[in-house]
Amino acid sequence: MASRGVKSAANATNTIYAALRRELMAGRHAPGDQLKEERIAEAMAVSRTPVRAALQRLVGDGLLRSETNRGVFVAAWTRWDIEDVFDLRLVLEPHAAGLAALRASREQSDALIALTDRMDAAEQRDFRENLQEIQEANQAFHETIIEAAGSPRLLGFLNSLVAMPMIAGGFYVYTEEEMRSSIRHHREIIAAIEAKDRIFASQAMAVHLQISHMIFRRNQTADRAVP
């Protein structure tokens, strides 16, 4: 009986976390907006306990900031901050993929395949329920390509960009079809790397990032949810 209660509370927290993360990724809360437990709990018809847990996870992700005795607030990620990150990735990451086509080891190629298979399996089980697993595998995929490029300077620049919270949570605004398309892009990038085709790998990564940026922009909105 107790274990069912724990599982139910964890499920509620996961549901609230995913819903709030989608709102934050879609720009429905302005930087500096306060998110209030009681209003979220009332809107979602849940107790404040799972709301509090979900908000703390988002603080840990860097999407919210916590102020003692005041509450939690949306982190100061402006539209231009995000545009800068996407622009930098679009310049640097296709270059990394091209280098990876020349330098990736068999072990790194196998890791890329395994990570994409993991994303595919999680998407087929239940896209919305497995977003965190998909996101973790996706981030590891991009980090593996950056490592495979064999450039310490590029590694330093790009790993910090890939891990930024407003970028790392991108799949929370994807549709299922967009998620499946993203996985297909991964397969194309892997094929180019295994073929040791630097130009194809660079172009495949550029298309992948451009579509990701397009999806992110589409989901940005001037409408603000009630905090």
C-alpha atoms as a PDB file:
ATOM      1  CA  MET A   1       0.000   0.000   0.000  1.00  0.00           C
ATOM      2  CA  ALA A   2       2.794   2.398   0.986  1.00  0.00           C
ATOM      3  CA  SER A   3       4.792   1.603  -2.143  1.00  0.00           C
ATOM      4  CA  ARG A   4       1.772   2.443  -4.318  1.00  0.00           C
ATOM      5  CA  GLY A   5       1.518   5.804  -2.564  1.00  0.00           C
ATOM      6  CA  VAL A   6       5.190   6.552  -3.175  1.00  0.00           C
ATOM      7  CA  LYS A   7       4.857   5.571  -6.830  1.00  0.00           C
ATOM      8  CA  SER A   8       1.739   7.719  -7.216  1.00  0.00           C
ATOM      9  CA  ALA A   9       3.515  10.734  -5.699  1.00  0.00           C
ATOM     10  CA  ALA A  10       6.506  10.191  -8.012  1.00  0.00           C
ATOM     11  CA  ASN A  11       4.199   9.959 -11.038  1.00  0.00           C
ATOM     12  CA  ALA A  12       2.458  13.188 -10.035  1.00  0.00           C
ATOM     13  CA  THR A  13       5.804  14.940  -9.669  1.00  0.00           C
ATOM     14  CA  ASN A  14       6.961  13.682 -13.090  1.00  0.00           C
ATOM     15  CA  THR A  15       3.731  14.839 -14.743  1.00  0.00           C
ATOM     16  CA  ILE A  16       3.925  18.307 -13.185  1.00  0.00           C
ATOM     17  CA  TYR A  17       7.642  18.582 -13.984  1.00  0.00           C
ATOM     18  CA  ALA A  18       7.071  17.702 -17.655  1.00  0.00           C
ATOM     19  CA  ALA A  19       4.151  20.138 -17.972  1.00  0.00           C
ATOM     20  CA  LEU A  20       6.069  23.015 -16.384  1.00  0.00           C
ATOM     21  CA  ARG A  21       9.192  22.256 -18.386  1.00  0.00           C
ATOM     22  CA  ARG A  22       7.169  22.411 -21.617  1.00  0.00           C
ATOM     23  CA  GLU A  23       5.782  25.800 -20.563  1.00  0.00           C
ATOM     24  CA  LEU A  24       9.250  27.123 -19.741  1.00  0.00           C
ATOM     25  CA  MET A  25      10.742  25.807 -22.990  1.00  0.00           C
ATOM     26  CA  ALA A  26       7.865  27.383 -24.940  1.00  0.00           C
ATOM     27  CA  GLY A  27       8.522  30.774 -23.351  1.00  0.00           C
ATOM     28  CA  ARG A  28       5.165  30.984 -21.586  1.00  0.00           C
ATOM     29  CA  HIS A  29       6.752  32.475 -18.476  1.00  0.00           C
ATOM     30  CA  ALA A  30       8.896  35.592 -18.632  1.00  0.00           C
ATOM     31  CA  PRO A  31      12.332  35.728 -16.978  1.00  0.00           C
ATOM     32  CA  GLY A  32      11.780  36.809 -13.381  1.00  0.00           C
ATOM     33  CA  ASP A  33       8.172  35.535 -13.180  1.00  0.00           C
ATOM     34  CA  GLN A  34       7.387  33.840  -9.882  1.00  0.00           C
ATOM     35  CA  LEU A  35       5.876  30.355 -10.024  1.00  0.00           C
ATOM     36  CA  LYS A  36       3.642  29.841  -7.005  1.00  0.00           C
ATOM     37  CA  GLU A  37       3.020  26.387  -5.587  1.00  0.00           C
ATOM     38  CA  GLU A  38      -0.560  27.030  -4.570  1.00  0.00           C
ATOM     39  CA  ARG A  39      -1.629  28.362  -7.986  1.00  0.00           C
ATOM     40  CA  ILE A  40       0.006  25.488  -9.853  1.00  0.00           C
ATOM     41  CA  ALA A  41      -1.492  22.943  -7.435  1.00  0.00           C
ATOM     42  CA  GLU A  42      -4.941  24.454  -7.884  1.00  0.00           C
ATOM     43  CA  ALA A  43      -4.643  24.597 -11.684  1.00  0.00           C
ATOM     44  CA  MET A  44      -3.484  20.964 -11.866  1.00  0.00           C
ATOM     45  CA  ALA A  45      -5.842  19.693  -9.138  1.00  0.00           C
ATOM     46  CA  VAL A  46      -3.036  18.196  -7.055  1.00  0.00           C
ATOM     47  CA  SER A  47      -1.548  18.784  -3.625  1.00  0.00           C
ATOM     48  CA  ARG A  48       1.356  21.170  -3.159  1.00  0.00           C
ATOM     49  CA  THR A  49       3.832  18.372  -2.299  1.00  0.00           C
ATOM     50  CA  PRO A  50       4.453  17.069  -5.866  1.00  0.00           C
ATOM     51  CA  VAL A  51       4.399  20.656  -7.150  1.00  0.00           C
ATOM     52  CA  ARG A  52       7.148  21.579  -4.682  1.00  0.00           C
ATOM     53  CA  ALA A  53       9.221  18.551  -5.766  1.00  0.00           C
ATOM     54  CA  ALA A  54       8.766  19.406  -9.461  1.00  0.00           C
ATOM     55  CA  LEU A  55       9.803  23.020  -8.890  1.00  0.00           C
ATOM     56  CA  GLN A  56      12.951  21.912  -7.070  1.00  0.00           C
ATOM     57  CA  ARG A  57      13.875  19.658 -10.004  1.00  0.00           C
ATOM     58  CA  LEU A  58      13.522  22.637 -12.326  1.00  0.00           C
ATOM     59  CA  VAL A  59      15.731  24.696 -10.019  1.00  0.00           C
ATOM     60  CA  GLY A  60      18.312  21.905 -10.297  1.00  0.00           C
ATOM     61  CA  ASP A  61      17.994  22.038 -14.092  1.00  0.00           C
ATOM     62  CA  GLY A  62      18.805  25.759 -14.070  1.00  0.00           C
ATOM     63  CA  LEU A  63      15.413  26.764 -15.505  1.00  0.00           C
ATOM     64  CA  LEU A  64      14.225  28.276 -12.214  1.00  0.00           C
ATOM     65  CA  ARG A  65      16.058  30.007  -9.378  1.00  0.00           C
ATOM     66  CA  SER A  66      15.137  29.782  -5.723  1.00  0.00           C
ATOM     67  CA  GLU A  67      15.239  32.736  -3.323  1.00  0.00           C
ATOM     68  CA  THR A  68      15.120  32.106   0.426  1.00  0.00           C
ATOM     69  CA  ASN A  69      11.762  33.066   1.961  1.00  0.00           C
ATOM     70  CA  ARG A  70      10.533  34.390  -1.394  1.00  0.00           C
ATOM     71  CA  GLY A  71       9.915  31.365  -3.631  1.00  0.00           C
ATOM     72  CA  VAL A  72      11.009  30.288  -7.109  1.00  0.00           C
ATOM     73  CA  PHE A  73      11.404  32.459 -10.173  1.00  0.00           C
ATOM     74  CA  VAL A  74      12.021  31.890 -13.878  1.00  0.00           C
ATOM     75  CA  ALA A  75      15.738  32.080 -14.665  1.00  0.00           C
ATOM     76  CA  ALA A  76      16.885  35.006 -16.786  1.00  0.00           C
ATOM     77  CA  TRP A  77      17.151  33.311 -20.173  1.00  0.00           C
ATOM     78  CA  THR A  78      16.204  35.898 -22.788  1.00  0.00           C
ATOM     79  CA  ARG A  79      15.234  35.141 -26.365  1.00  0.00           C
ATOM     80  CA  TRP A  80      18.565  36.593 -27.494  1.00  0.00           C
ATOM     81  CA  ASP A  81      20.547  34.370 -25.110  1.00  0.00           C
ATOM     82  CA  ILE A  82      18.913  31.348 -26.720  1.00  0.00           C
ATOM     83  CA  GLU A  83      19.406  32.645 -30.263  1.00  0.00           C
ATOM     84  CA  ASP A  84      23.111  33.165 -29.534  1.00  0.00           C
ATOM     85  CA  VAL A  85      23.484  29.594 -28.303  1.00  0.00           C
ATOM     86  CA  PHE A  86      21.730  28.164 -31.361  1.00  0.00           C
ATOM     87  CA  ASP A  87      23.839  30.318 -33.688  1.00  0.00           C
ATOM     88  CA  LEU A  88      27.080  29.198 -32.027  1.00  0.00           C
ATOM     89  CA  ARG A  89      26.056  25.547 -32.183  1.00  0.00           C
ATOM     90  CA  LEU A  90      25.196  25.893 -35.858  1.00  0.00           C
ATOM     91  CA  VAL A  91      28.696  27.186 -36.570  1.00  0.00           C
ATOM     92  CA  LEU A  92      30.650  24.789 -34.349  1.00  0.00           C
ATOM     93  CA  GLU A  93      28.763  21.494 -34.132  1.00  0.00           C
ATOM     94  CA  PRO A  94      28.641  20.694 -37.883  1.00  0.00           C
ATOM     95  CA  HIS A  95      32.401  21.273 -37.868  1.00  0.00           C
ATOM     96  CA  ALA A  96      32.689  18.813 -34.971  1.00  0.00           C
ATOM     97  CA  ALA A  97      30.619  16.230 -36.843  1.00  0.00           C
ATOM     98  CA  GLY A  98      32.864  16.631 -39.880  1.00  0.00           C
ATOM     99  CA  LEU A  99      35.961  16.041 -37.767  1.00  0.00           C
ATOM    100  CA  ALA A 100      34.272  13.058 -36.104  1.00  0.00           C
ATOM    101  CA  ALA A 101      33.804  11.512 -39.550  1.00  0.00           C
ATOM    102  CA  LEU A 102      37.586  11.537 -39.896  1.00  0.00           C
ATOM    103  CA  ARG A 103      38.560  10.696 -36.322  1.00  0.00           C
ATOM    104  CA  ALA A 104      35.825   8.694 -34.556  1.00  0.00           C
ATOM    105  CA  SER A 105      36.896   5.336 -33.154  1.00  0.00           C
ATOM    106  CA  ARG A 106      34.878   2.145 -33.585  1.00  0.00           C
ATOM    107  CA  GLU A 107      33.911   2.384 -29.912  1.00  0.00           C
ATOM    108  CA  GLN A 108      32.598   5.924 -30.379  1.00  0.00           C
ATOM    109  CA  SER A 109      30.583   4.925 -33.447  1.00  0.00           C
ATOM    110  CA  ASP A 110      29.114   2.003 -31.514  1.00  0.00           C
ATOM    111  CA  ALA A 111      28.225   4.376 -28.658  1.00  0.00           C
ATOM    112  CA  LEU A 112      26.375   6.668 -31.083  1.00  0.00           C
ATOM    113  CA  ILE A 113      24.380   3.707 -32.391  1.00  0.00           C
ATOM    114  CA  ALA A 114      23.564   2.483 -28.875  1.00  0.00           C
ATOM    115  CA  LEU A 115      22.433   5.944 -27.723  1.00  0.00           C
ATOM    116  CA  THR A 116      20.202   6.385 -30.768  1.00  0.00           C
ATOM    117  CA  ASP A 117      18.747   2.902 -30.257  1.00  0.00           C
ATOM    118  CA  ARG A 118      18.023   3.863 -26.644  1.00  0.00           C
ATOM    119  CA  MET A 119      16.187   7.002 -27.783  1.00  0.00           C
ATOM    120  CA  ASP A 120      14.245   5.006 -30.362  1.00  0.00           C
ATOM    121  CA  ALA A 121      13.178   2.359 -27.848  1.00  0.00           C
ATOM    122  CA  ALA A 122      12.123   4.965 -25.270  1.00  0.00           C
ATOM    123  CA  GLU A 123      10.133   6.891 -27.889  1.00  0.00           C
ATOM    124  CA  GLN A 124       8.303   3.751 -29.000  1.00  0.00           C
ATOM    125  CA  ARG A 125       7.435   2.744 -25.413  1.00  0.00           C
ATOM    126  CA  ASP A 126       5.880   6.099 -24.554  1.00  0.00           C
ATOM    127  CA  PHE A 127       7.245   9.377 -25.871  1.00  0.00           C
ATOM    128  CA  ARG A 128       5.838  11.675 -23.183  1.00  0.00           C
ATOM    129  CA  GLU A 129       6.571   9.348 -20.273  1.00  0.00           C
ATOM    130  CA  ASN A 130      10.196   8.803 -21.325  1.00  0.00           C
ATOM    131  CA  LEU A 131      11.257  12.344 -22.207  1.00  0.00           C
ATOM    132  CA  GLN A 132      13.955  12.513 -19.550  1.00  0.00           C
ATOM    133  CA  GLU A 133      15.563   9.263 -20.750  1.00  0.00           C
ATOM    134  CA  ILE A 134      15.354  10.446 -24.368  1.00  0.00           C
ATOM    135  CA  GLN A 135      16.885  13.789 -23.467  1.00  0.00           C
ATOM    136  CA  GLU A 136      19.760  12.202 -21.529  1.00  0.00           C
ATOM    137  CA  ALA A 137      20.564   9.864 -24.430  1.00  0.00           C
ATOM    138  CA  ASN A 138      20.371  12.763 -26.896  1.00  0.00           C
ATOM    139  CA  GLN A 139      22.758  14.898 -24.864  1.00  0.00           C
ATOM    140  CA  ALA A 140      25.183  11.965 -24.587  1.00  0.00           C
ATOM    141  CA  PHE A 141      24.921  11.484 -28.382  1.00  0.00           C
ATOM    142  CA  HIS A 142      25.969  15.063 -29.088  1.00  0.00           C
ATOM    143  CA  GLU A 143      28.700  14.969 -26.437  1.00  0.00           C
ATOM    144  CA  THR A 144      30.093  11.763 -27.981  1.00  0.00           C
ATOM    145  CA  ILE A 145      30.316  13.421 -31.398  1.00  0.00           C
ATOM    146  CA  ILE A 146      32.091  16.408 -29.869  1.00  0.00           C
ATOM    147  CA  GLU A 147      34.563  14.088 -28.123  1.00  0.00           C
ATOM    148  CA  ALA A 148      35.057  12.109 -31.337  1.00  0.00           C
ATOM    149  CA  ALA A 149      36.090  15.328 -33.117  1.00  0.00           C
ATOM    150  CA  GLY A 150      39.346  15.086 -31.158  1.00  0.00           C
ATOM    151  CA  SER A 151      39.675  18.831 -30.570  1.00  0.00           C
ATOM    152  CA  PRO A 152      40.100  19.889 -26.925  1.00  0.00           C
ATOM    153  CA  ARG A 153      39.224  23.525 -27.720  1.00  0.00           C
ATOM    154  CA  LEU A 154      36.062  22.537 -29.560  1.00  0.00           C
ATOM    155  CA  LEU A 155      35.185  20.186 -26.709  1.00  0.00           C
ATOM    156  CA  GLY A 156      35.441  23.027 -24.206  1.00  0.00           C
ATOM    157  CA  PHE A 157      33.274  25.385 -26.253  1.00  0.00           C
ATOM    158  CA  LEU A 158      30.569  22.968 -27.324  1.00  0.00           C
ATOM    159  CA  ASN A 159      29.985  20.874 -24.220  1.00  0.00           C
ATOM    160  CA  SER A 160      29.009  24.008 -22.312  1.00  0.00           C
ATOM    161  CA  LEU A 161      26.529  24.964 -25.062  1.00  0.00           C
ATOM    162  CA  VAL A 162      24.956  21.501 -25.390  1.00  0.00           C
ATOM    163  CA  ALA A 163      24.399  21.311 -21.623  1.00  0.00           C
ATOM    164  CA  MET A 164      22.678  24.701 -21.285  1.00  0.00           C
ATOM    165  CA  PRO A 165      19.240  24.180 -19.706  1.00  0.00           C
ATOM    166  CA  MET A 166      17.218  25.984 -22.369  1.00  0.00           C
ATOM    167  CA  ILE A 167      18.862  23.793 -25.019  1.00  0.00           C
ATOM    168  CA  ALA A 168      19.078  20.477 -23.177  1.00  0.00           C
ATOM    169  CA  GLY A 169      15.321  20.345 -22.598  1.00  0.00           C
ATOM    170  CA  GLY A 170      14.305  20.909 -26.192  1.00  0.00           C
ATOM    171  CA  PHE A 171      12.344  17.689 -26.656  1.00  0.00           C
ATOM    172  CA  TYR A 172       9.697  18.869 -24.206  1.00  0.00           C
ATOM    173  CA  VAL A 173       8.166  20.953 -27.036  1.00  0.00           C
ATOM    174  CA  TYR A 174       8.463  18.273 -29.763  1.00  0.00           C
ATOM    175  CA  THR A 175       5.592  16.309 -31.246  1.00  0.00           C
ATOM    176  CA  GLU A 176       5.954  12.540 -31.586  1.00  0.00           C
ATOM    177  CA  GLU A 177       6.569  12.855 -35.318  1.00  0.00           C
ATOM    178  CA  GLU A 178       9.244  15.503 -34.738  1.00  0.00           C
ATOM    179  CA  MET A 179      10.879  13.206 -32.214  1.00  0.00           C
ATOM    180  CA  ARG A 180      10.917  10.336 -34.722  1.00  0.00           C
ATOM    181  CA  SER A 181      12.364  12.681 -37.352  1.00  0.00           C
ATOM    182  CA  SER A 182      15.119  13.747 -34.951  1.00  0.00           C
ATOM    183  CA  ILE A 183      16.050  10.099 -34.390  1.00  0.00           C
ATOM    184  CA  ARG A 184      16.226   9.594 -38.170  1.00  0.00           C
ATOM    185  CA  HIS A 185      18.624  12.550 -38.349  1.00  0.00           C
ATOM    186  CA  HIS A 186      20.824  10.808 -35.795  1.00  0.00           C
ATOM    187  CA  ARG A 187      20.898   7.716 -38.014  1.00  0.00           C
ATOM    188  CA  GLU A 188      21.969   9.871 -40.984  1.00  0.00           C
ATOM    189  CA  ILE A 189      24.736  11.520 -38.967  1.00  0.00           C
ATOM    190  CA  ILE A 190      25.973   8.093 -37.843  1.00  0.00           C
ATOM    191  CA  ALA A 191      25.914   6.830 -41.441  1.00  0.00           C
ATOM    192  CA  ALA A 192      28.015   9.795 -42.548  1.00  0.00           C
ATOM    193  CA  ILE A 193      30.519   9.284 -39.724  1.00  0.00           C
ATOM    194  CA  GLU A 194      30.829   5.566 -40.451  1.00  0.00           C
ATOM    195  CA  ALA A 195      31.337   6.362 -44.150  1.00  0.00           C
ATOM    196  CA  LYS A 196      34.064   8.827 -43.101  1.00  0.00           C
ATOM    197  CA  ASP A 197      32.338  11.458 -45.236  1.00  0.00           C
ATOM    198  CA  ARG A 198      33.244  14.779 -43.643  1.00  0.00           C
ATOM    199  CA  ILE A 199      30.992  16.926 -45.845  1.00  0.00           C
ATOM    200  CA  PHE A 200      27.930  14.679 -45.432  1.00  0.00           C
ATOM    201  CA  ALA A 201      28.424  14.529 -41.655  1.00  0.00           C
ATOM    202  CA  SER A 202      28.726  18.302 -41.406  1.00  0.00           C
ATOM    203  CA  GLN A 203      25.664  18.889 -43.593  1.00  0.00           C
ATOM    204  CA  ALA A 204      23.564  16.268 -41.770  1.00  0.00           C
ATOM    205  CA  MET A 205      24.352  17.885 -38.419  1.00  0.00           C
ATOM    206  CA  ALA A 206      23.576  21.360 -39.787  1.00  0.00           C
ATOM    207  CA  VAL A 207      20.151  20.233 -41.006  1.00  0.00           C
ATOM    208  CA  HIS A 208      19.482  18.502 -37.666  1.00  0.00           C
ATOM    209  CA  LEU A 209      20.276  21.670 -35.701  1.00  0.00           C
ATOM    210  CA  GLN A 210      18.394  23.980 -38.070  1.00  0.00           C
ATOM    211  CA  ILE A 211      15.227  21.902 -37.711  1.00  0.00           C
ATOM    212  CA  SER A 212      15.659  21.843 -33.927  1.00  0.00           C
ATOM    213  CA  HIS A 213      15.955  25.628 -33.939  1.00  0.00           C
ATOM    214  CA  MET A 214      12.876  25.951 -36.144  1.00  0.00           C
ATOM    215  CA  ILE A 215      10.824  23.800 -33.750  1.00  0.00           C
ATOM    216  CA  PHE A 216      12.030  25.794 -30.767  1.00  0.00           C
ATOM    217  CA  ARG A 217      11.172  29.110 -32.444  1.00  0.00           C
ATOM    218  CA  ARG A 218       7.723  27.866 -33.424  1.00  0.00           C
ATOM    219  CA  ASN A 219       6.966  27.052 -29.823  1.00  0.00           C
ATOM    220  CA  GLN A 220       8.107  30.380 -28.467  1.00  0.00           C
ATOM    221  CA  THR A 221       5.115  32.571 -27.757  1.00  0.00           C
ATOM    222  CA  ALA A 222       4.394  35.990 -26.357  1.00  0.00           C
ATOM    223  CA  ASP A 223       1.514  34.550 -24.348  1.00  0.00           C
ATOM    224  CA  ARG A 224       2.268  34.163 -20.668  1.00  0.00           C
ATOM    225  CA  ALA A 225       0.712  31.488 -18.497  1.00  0.00           C
ATOM    226  CA  VAL A 226      -0.640  32.515 -15.098  1.00  0.00           C
ATOM    227  CA  PRO A 227       2.252  32.049 -12.615  1.00  0.00           C
END
